[in-house]
């Protein structure tokens, strides 16, 4: 289905798709989005939340998983 995403969640989705189903470290995602100046706030978590909400709209099964203290992974669980 067609997804409607803002620029940062779209970039996150692209990065996660390229590495799926591997875990992508949080620092790696932050660097890809903000370079050497990641924001002090929890901006990545907010953008991941927006991406997850769009991916799971219409009651679809989860695809985006948080790997606690490490990062995120995108995969379809069997």
N, C-alpha and C. Protein backbone atom coordinates (compact mmCIF):
# COMPACT_ATOMS: atom_id res chain seq x y z
N UNK A 1 0.84 -1.17 0.00
CA UNK A 1 0.00 0.00 0.00
C UNK A 1 0.88 1.24 0.00
N UNK A 2 0.32 2.33 -0.38
CA UNK A 2 1.04 3.59 -0.46
C UNK A 2 1.20 4.17 0.94
N UNK A 3 2.44 4.57 1.28
CA UNK A 3 2.72 5.20 2.57
C UNK A 3 2.91 6.69 2.36
N UNK A 4 2.43 7.47 3.30
CA UNK A 4 2.64 8.91 3.28
C UNK A 4 3.54 9.25 4.46
N UNK A 5 4.80 9.56 4.17
CA UNK A 5 5.78 9.80 5.22
C UNK A 5 6.47 11.14 5.03
N UNK A 6 6.83 11.76 6.14
CA UNK A 6 7.65 12.96 6.11
C UNK A 6 9.08 12.54 5.72
N UNK A 7 9.94 13.50 5.49
CA UNK A 7 11.28 13.24 4.98
C UNK A 7 12.12 12.34 5.90
N UNK A 8 12.14 12.63 7.19
CA UNK A 8 13.00 11.85 8.10
C UNK A 8 12.48 10.43 8.27
N UNK A 9 11.20 10.20 8.53
CA UNK A 9 10.74 8.81 8.59
C UNK A 9 10.96 8.06 7.28
N UNK A 10 10.87 8.74 6.14
CA UNK A 10 11.14 8.09 4.86
C UNK A 10 12.59 7.66 4.77
N UNK A 11 13.50 8.51 5.19
CA UNK A 11 14.93 8.18 5.18
C UNK A 11 15.21 7.01 6.12
N UNK A 12 14.57 7.01 7.28
CA UNK A 12 14.73 5.90 8.22
C UNK A 12 14.24 4.60 7.60
N UNK A 13 13.10 4.64 6.93
CA UNK A 13 12.57 3.45 6.28
C UNK A 13 13.54 2.94 5.22
N UNK A 14 14.10 3.82 4.42
CA UNK A 14 15.07 3.42 3.40
C UNK A 14 16.27 2.73 4.03
N UNK A 15 16.80 3.31 5.10
CA UNK A 15 17.97 2.72 5.78
C UNK A 15 17.64 1.35 6.36
N UNK A 16 16.49 1.25 6.99
CA UNK A 16 16.09 -0.02 7.60
C UNK A 16 15.82 -1.09 6.54
N UNK A 17 15.23 -0.69 5.41
CA UNK A 17 14.98 -1.65 4.33
C UNK A 17 16.28 -2.19 3.74
N UNK A 18 17.25 -1.32 3.58
CA UNK A 18 18.54 -1.74 3.02
C UNK A 18 19.23 -2.78 3.90
N UNK A 19 19.03 -2.70 5.21
CA UNK A 19 19.72 -3.59 6.14
C UNK A 19 18.84 -4.71 6.68
N UNK A 20 17.56 -4.72 6.30
CA UNK A 20 16.63 -5.72 6.83
C UNK A 20 17.11 -7.13 6.51
N UNK A 21 16.97 -8.06 7.41
CA UNK A 21 16.35 -8.00 8.73
C UNK A 21 17.34 -7.71 9.86
N UNK A 22 18.52 -7.22 9.53
CA UNK A 22 19.54 -6.93 10.55
C UNK A 22 19.14 -5.75 11.43
N UNK A 23 19.72 -5.70 12.61
CA UNK A 23 19.51 -4.59 13.52
C UNK A 23 20.39 -3.43 13.06
N UNK A 24 19.80 -2.25 13.01
CA UNK A 24 20.55 -1.03 12.69
C UNK A 24 20.71 -0.26 13.99
N UNK A 25 21.95 0.01 14.35
CA UNK A 25 22.23 0.68 15.61
C UNK A 25 21.69 2.10 15.61
N UNK A 26 21.24 2.50 16.77
CA UNK A 26 20.68 3.83 16.96
C UNK A 26 21.65 4.92 16.50
N UNK A 27 22.91 4.80 16.88
CA UNK A 27 23.91 5.81 16.51
C UNK A 27 24.08 5.89 14.99
N UNK A 28 23.98 4.76 14.33
CA UNK A 28 24.09 4.73 12.87
C UNK A 28 22.92 5.47 12.21
N UNK A 29 21.72 5.27 12.72
CA UNK A 29 20.56 5.97 12.20
C UNK A 29 20.66 7.48 12.46
N UNK A 30 21.07 7.84 13.67
CA UNK A 30 21.23 9.26 13.99
C UNK A 30 22.27 9.91 13.09
N UNK A 31 23.37 9.22 12.85
CA UNK A 31 24.42 9.77 11.99
C UNK A 31 23.92 9.95 10.56
N UNK A 32 23.16 8.99 10.07
CA UNK A 32 22.64 9.08 8.70
C UNK A 32 21.66 10.23 8.53
N UNK A 33 20.93 10.57 9.58
CA UNK A 33 19.94 11.63 9.50
C UNK A 33 20.55 12.99 9.81
N UNK A 34 21.29 13.08 10.90
CA UNK A 34 21.78 14.38 11.37
C UNK A 34 23.29 14.56 11.26
N UNK A 35 23.98 13.61 10.70
CA UNK A 35 25.43 13.74 10.58
C UNK A 35 26.11 13.70 11.93
N UNK A 36 27.11 14.55 12.11
CA UNK A 36 27.87 14.57 13.36
C UNK A 36 27.23 15.43 14.44
N UNK A 37 26.02 15.92 14.19
CA UNK A 37 25.33 16.80 15.15
C UNK A 37 23.94 16.29 15.49
N UNK A 38 23.84 15.10 16.10
CA UNK A 38 22.51 14.61 16.45
C UNK A 38 21.87 15.51 17.50
N UNK A 39 20.55 15.67 17.49
CA UNK A 39 19.90 16.53 18.48
C UNK A 39 20.03 15.94 19.88
N UNK A 40 19.99 16.81 20.87
CA UNK A 40 20.09 16.38 22.27
C UNK A 40 18.83 15.68 22.74
N UNK A 41 17.72 15.97 22.10
CA UNK A 41 16.44 15.38 22.50
C UNK A 41 16.33 13.95 21.97
N UNK A 42 15.19 13.36 22.19
CA UNK A 42 14.95 12.00 21.72
C UNK A 42 14.22 12.04 20.38
N UNK A 43 14.72 12.85 19.46
CA UNK A 43 14.08 13.05 18.16
C UNK A 43 13.99 11.76 17.36
N UNK A 44 15.00 10.92 17.43
CA UNK A 44 14.95 9.67 16.67
C UNK A 44 13.76 8.83 17.09
N UNK A 45 13.53 8.73 18.37
CA UNK A 45 12.40 7.94 18.88
C UNK A 45 11.08 8.49 18.36
N UNK A 46 10.95 9.79 18.28
CA UNK A 46 9.72 10.42 17.78
C UNK A 46 9.50 10.05 16.30
N UNK A 47 10.58 10.09 15.51
CA UNK A 47 10.46 9.76 14.09
C UNK A 47 10.21 8.26 13.88
N UNK A 48 10.81 7.44 14.71
CA UNK A 48 10.54 5.99 14.65
C UNK A 48 9.08 5.73 14.99
N UNK A 49 8.56 6.44 15.97
CA UNK A 49 7.15 6.28 16.35
C UNK A 49 6.24 6.64 15.17
N UNK A 50 6.54 7.73 14.48
CA UNK A 50 5.74 8.13 13.32
C UNK A 50 5.81 7.08 12.21
N UNK A 51 7.00 6.54 11.98
CA UNK A 51 7.17 5.50 10.97
C UNK A 51 6.39 4.25 11.36
N UNK A 52 6.51 3.84 12.60
CA UNK A 52 5.80 2.65 13.07
C UNK A 52 4.29 2.83 12.95
N UNK A 53 3.78 4.01 13.29
CA UNK A 53 2.35 4.27 13.20
C UNK A 53 1.86 4.15 11.76
N UNK A 54 2.64 4.63 10.82
CA UNK A 54 2.24 4.54 9.41
C UNK A 54 2.32 3.10 8.91
N UNK A 55 3.36 2.38 9.31
CA UNK A 55 3.51 0.99 8.87
C UNK A 55 2.42 0.09 9.42
N UNK A 56 1.94 0.39 10.62
CA UNK A 56 0.96 -0.47 11.28
C UNK A 56 -0.46 0.07 11.17
N UNK A 57 -0.65 1.09 10.34
CA UNK A 57 -2.00 1.61 10.13
C UNK A 57 -2.84 0.51 9.49
N UNK A 58 -4.10 0.59 9.63
CA UNK A 58 -5.03 -0.41 9.08
C UNK A 58 -4.89 -1.77 9.75
N UNK A 59 -4.33 -1.80 10.97
CA UNK A 59 -4.25 -3.04 11.72
C UNK A 59 -3.30 -4.08 11.16
N UNK A 60 -2.32 -3.65 10.37
CA UNK A 60 -1.37 -4.60 9.79
C UNK A 60 -0.40 -5.10 10.86
N UNK A 61 0.17 -6.28 10.67
CA UNK A 61 1.10 -6.82 11.67
C UNK A 61 2.36 -5.95 11.77
N UNK A 62 3.00 -5.95 12.93
CA UNK A 62 4.20 -5.14 13.12
C UNK A 62 5.34 -5.55 12.19
N UNK A 63 6.07 -4.55 11.72
CA UNK A 63 7.26 -4.78 10.89
C UNK A 63 8.50 -4.14 11.50
N UNK A 64 8.31 -3.12 12.32
CA UNK A 64 9.41 -2.37 12.90
C UNK A 64 9.53 -2.71 14.38
N UNK A 65 10.69 -3.22 14.75
CA UNK A 65 10.91 -3.68 16.12
C UNK A 65 12.04 -2.90 16.77
N UNK A 66 11.87 -2.61 18.05
CA UNK A 66 12.92 -1.98 18.83
C UNK A 66 13.77 -3.08 19.46
N UNK A 67 15.07 -2.98 19.31
CA UNK A 67 16.00 -3.88 19.98
C UNK A 67 16.59 -3.06 21.11
N UNK A 68 16.11 -3.30 22.30
CA UNK A 68 16.41 -2.47 23.45
C UNK A 68 17.90 -2.21 23.63
N UNK A 69 18.23 -0.95 23.83
CA UNK A 69 19.60 -0.46 24.06
C UNK A 69 20.52 -0.64 22.87
N UNK A 70 19.99 -1.05 21.72
CA UNK A 70 20.84 -1.25 20.54
C UNK A 70 20.34 -0.42 19.37
N UNK A 71 19.11 -0.68 18.91
CA UNK A 71 18.62 0.03 17.74
C UNK A 71 17.28 -0.52 17.30
N UNK A 72 17.12 -0.62 15.98
CA UNK A 72 15.84 -1.03 15.40
C UNK A 72 16.05 -2.01 14.27
N UNK A 73 15.04 -2.82 14.02
CA UNK A 73 15.11 -3.75 12.89
C UNK A 73 13.75 -3.82 12.22
N UNK A 74 13.82 -4.03 10.93
CA UNK A 74 12.61 -4.13 10.13
C UNK A 74 12.56 -5.55 9.57
N UNK A 75 11.52 -6.27 9.93
CA UNK A 75 11.33 -7.63 9.38
C UNK A 75 9.91 -8.10 9.62
N UNK A 76 9.51 -9.03 8.80
CA UNK A 76 8.19 -9.65 8.97
C UNK A 76 8.37 -10.93 9.78
N UNK A 77 7.82 -10.95 10.96
CA UNK A 77 7.93 -12.12 11.82
C UNK A 77 7.14 -13.27 11.20
N UNK A 78 7.68 -14.48 11.31
CA UNK A 78 6.99 -15.64 10.72
C UNK A 78 5.71 -15.98 11.45
